[in-house]
Structure formats: structure tokens, C-alpha cells
Amino acid sequence: MNNFDRPVAITIDASTSPLANEGVAGAMRTTGKDAPVFTSESTKWTSLSDLNRGRFSIRPQGAMNYTTFDLQRLARVKEVKSIPLQKLDGTAADGSGWF
């Protein structure tokens, strides 16, 4: 539960790779004027689901706590809504009220 599959910078793609600079979040530049640009792919969140109680919890990388959503409450929402991942900082235990 406290594990991310791909930590930041565990793998890198050099600027000569066809995968490099494809808009990968977390791109890193090494020091030096002519230094190559590297990109790193990483897991940005982890989740837990409790289908018996109808709960879905998300914890972004960097947050200490999960934000939980009540799927039965969300089923009553009639329009498509979204929230930015940055809002899930773990300070709100119940995120269902955002909808």
C-alpha cells in the first residue's frame, strides 16, 4: 500500500532515445550547457478499491494519506466532473463532497 511501481528517476531515456522528450512529466535536465535532456517515467498515484463497501481510495505520490470516494454517492452525480490530481494531497479523507 505504500509502494509505487516506478519511483521517479528509476529509469531514464536519453535525449537520443525515440521515447525522450515526448512530454513525459518530470523531465529532468542534467547540469551543463550542452548536457542532454533525460526523461523519466514514474507512477503518479496508487489506489485501493473496496467493492464490498463501495469505496475507492487514491493516494498521489508525495501524499501521506489516501482520499476516499464513496462510489454510491458518486453514482448519483448526473454530469461528468473531474478534479486535478494535485487536489488529492491527502488532507481530505473523504473526497466525495467535491462532487
Protein backbone atom coordinates (compact mmCIF):
# COMPACT_ATOMS: atom_id res chain seq x y z
CA MET A 1 0.00 0.00 0.00
CA ASN A 2 2.95 2.32 0.43
CA ASN A 3 4.65 1.23 -2.77
CA PHE A 4 4.88 2.90 -6.15
CA ASP A 5 5.76 0.64 -9.08
CA ARG A 6 8.04 3.17 -10.75
CA PRO A 7 9.69 5.74 -8.46
CA VAL A 8 10.85 8.99 -10.04
CA ALA A 9 14.17 8.61 -11.90
CA ILE A 10 14.32 4.82 -11.58
CA THR A 11 14.70 4.71 -15.36
CA ILE A 12 15.72 7.40 -17.79
CA ASP A 13 15.54 7.85 -21.54
CA ALA A 14 18.44 9.76 -23.07
CA SER A 15 17.66 12.57 -25.49
CA THR A 16 18.74 10.29 -28.35
CA SER A 17 16.00 7.79 -27.50
CA PRO A 18 12.79 7.95 -29.56
CA LEU A 19 10.93 7.96 -26.21
CA ALA A 20 12.70 11.03 -24.85
CA ASN A 21 11.08 14.44 -24.76
CA GLU A 22 7.62 13.11 -25.55
CA GLY A 23 6.06 15.36 -22.95
CA VAL A 24 6.81 12.97 -20.11
CA ALA A 25 6.02 14.60 -16.79
CA GLY A 26 9.06 15.02 -14.57
CA ALA A 27 11.58 15.68 -17.33
CA MET A 28 14.97 16.35 -15.82
CA ARG A 29 17.85 18.36 -17.24
CA THR A 30 21.35 17.46 -16.17
CA THR A 31 23.83 20.21 -15.37
CA GLY A 32 25.92 21.80 -18.07
CA LYS A 33 25.22 23.92 -21.11
CA ASP A 34 25.41 21.10 -23.64
CA ALA A 35 24.15 18.36 -21.35
CA PRO A 36 21.49 16.03 -22.75
CA VAL A 37 17.90 16.10 -21.55
CA PHE A 38 16.61 12.96 -19.86
CA THR A 39 13.04 11.95 -19.19
CA SER A 40 11.81 9.60 -16.51
CA GLU A 41 8.59 7.64 -16.42
CA SER A 42 7.08 7.19 -12.97
CA THR A 43 3.91 6.15 -11.16
CA LYS A 44 1.96 9.26 -10.12
CA TRP A 45 -0.64 7.62 -7.86
CA THR A 46 -1.67 4.37 -6.24
CA SER A 47 -5.21 3.26 -5.48
CA LEU A 48 -7.23 0.88 -3.32
CA SER A 49 -10.72 -0.38 -4.03
CA ASP A 50 -13.22 -1.84 -1.59
CA LEU A 51 -16.02 -3.13 -3.76
CA ASN A 52 -17.93 -4.62 -0.81
CA ARG A 53 -18.35 -1.17 0.78
CA GLY A 54 -18.32 0.78 -2.49
CA ARG A 55 -15.18 2.79 -1.73
CA PHE A 56 -12.30 3.85 -3.98
CA SER A 57 -9.19 5.47 -2.48
CA ILE A 58 -6.41 7.34 -4.27
CA ARG A 59 -3.03 8.48 -2.93
CA PRO A 60 -0.80 10.56 -5.18
CA GLN A 61 2.94 10.25 -4.99
CA GLY A 62 4.11 12.63 -2.26
CA ALA A 63 0.92 12.47 -0.18
CA MET A 64 0.91 10.60 3.12
CA ASN A 65 -2.80 9.72 3.20
CA TYR A 66 -5.46 8.41 0.86
CA THR A 67 -8.51 10.36 -0.28
CA THR A 68 -11.53 8.07 -0.37
CA PHE A 69 -14.57 8.35 -2.63
CA ASP A 70 -17.96 6.80 -1.90
CA LEU A 71 -18.98 5.21 -5.20
CA GLN A 72 -22.67 5.10 -4.25
CA ARG A 73 -22.71 8.87 -3.68
CA LEU A 74 -20.84 9.48 -6.92
CA ALA A 75 -23.33 7.31 -8.84
CA ARG A 76 -25.97 9.97 -8.14
CA VAL A 77 -23.92 12.69 -9.87
CA LYS A 78 -25.51 13.22 -13.29
CA GLU A 79 -22.77 15.21 -15.06
CA VAL A 80 -19.15 14.46 -15.85
CA LYS A 81 -16.83 16.11 -13.34
CA SER A 82 -13.11 15.97 -12.72
CA ILE A 83 -10.61 17.23 -10.19
CA PRO A 84 -6.88 17.75 -10.64
CA LEU A 85 -4.62 15.10 -9.12
CA GLN A 86 -2.83 17.86 -7.17
CA LYS A 87 -6.00 18.42 -5.14
CA LEU A 88 -5.68 14.90 -3.75
CA ASP A 89 -2.97 15.87 -1.27
CA GLY A 90 -4.25 13.53 1.43
CA THR A 91 -5.56 16.28 3.71
CA ALA A 92 -9.20 15.42 2.96
CA ALA A 93 -10.12 11.89 3.99
CA ASP A 94 -13.43 11.98 2.06
CA GLY A 95 -13.32 13.38 -1.48
CA SER A 96 -16.95 12.57 -2.32
CA GLY A 97 -18.08 16.03 -1.21
CA TRP A 98 -16.12 17.64 -4.05
CA PHE A 99 -18.77 16.32 -6.41
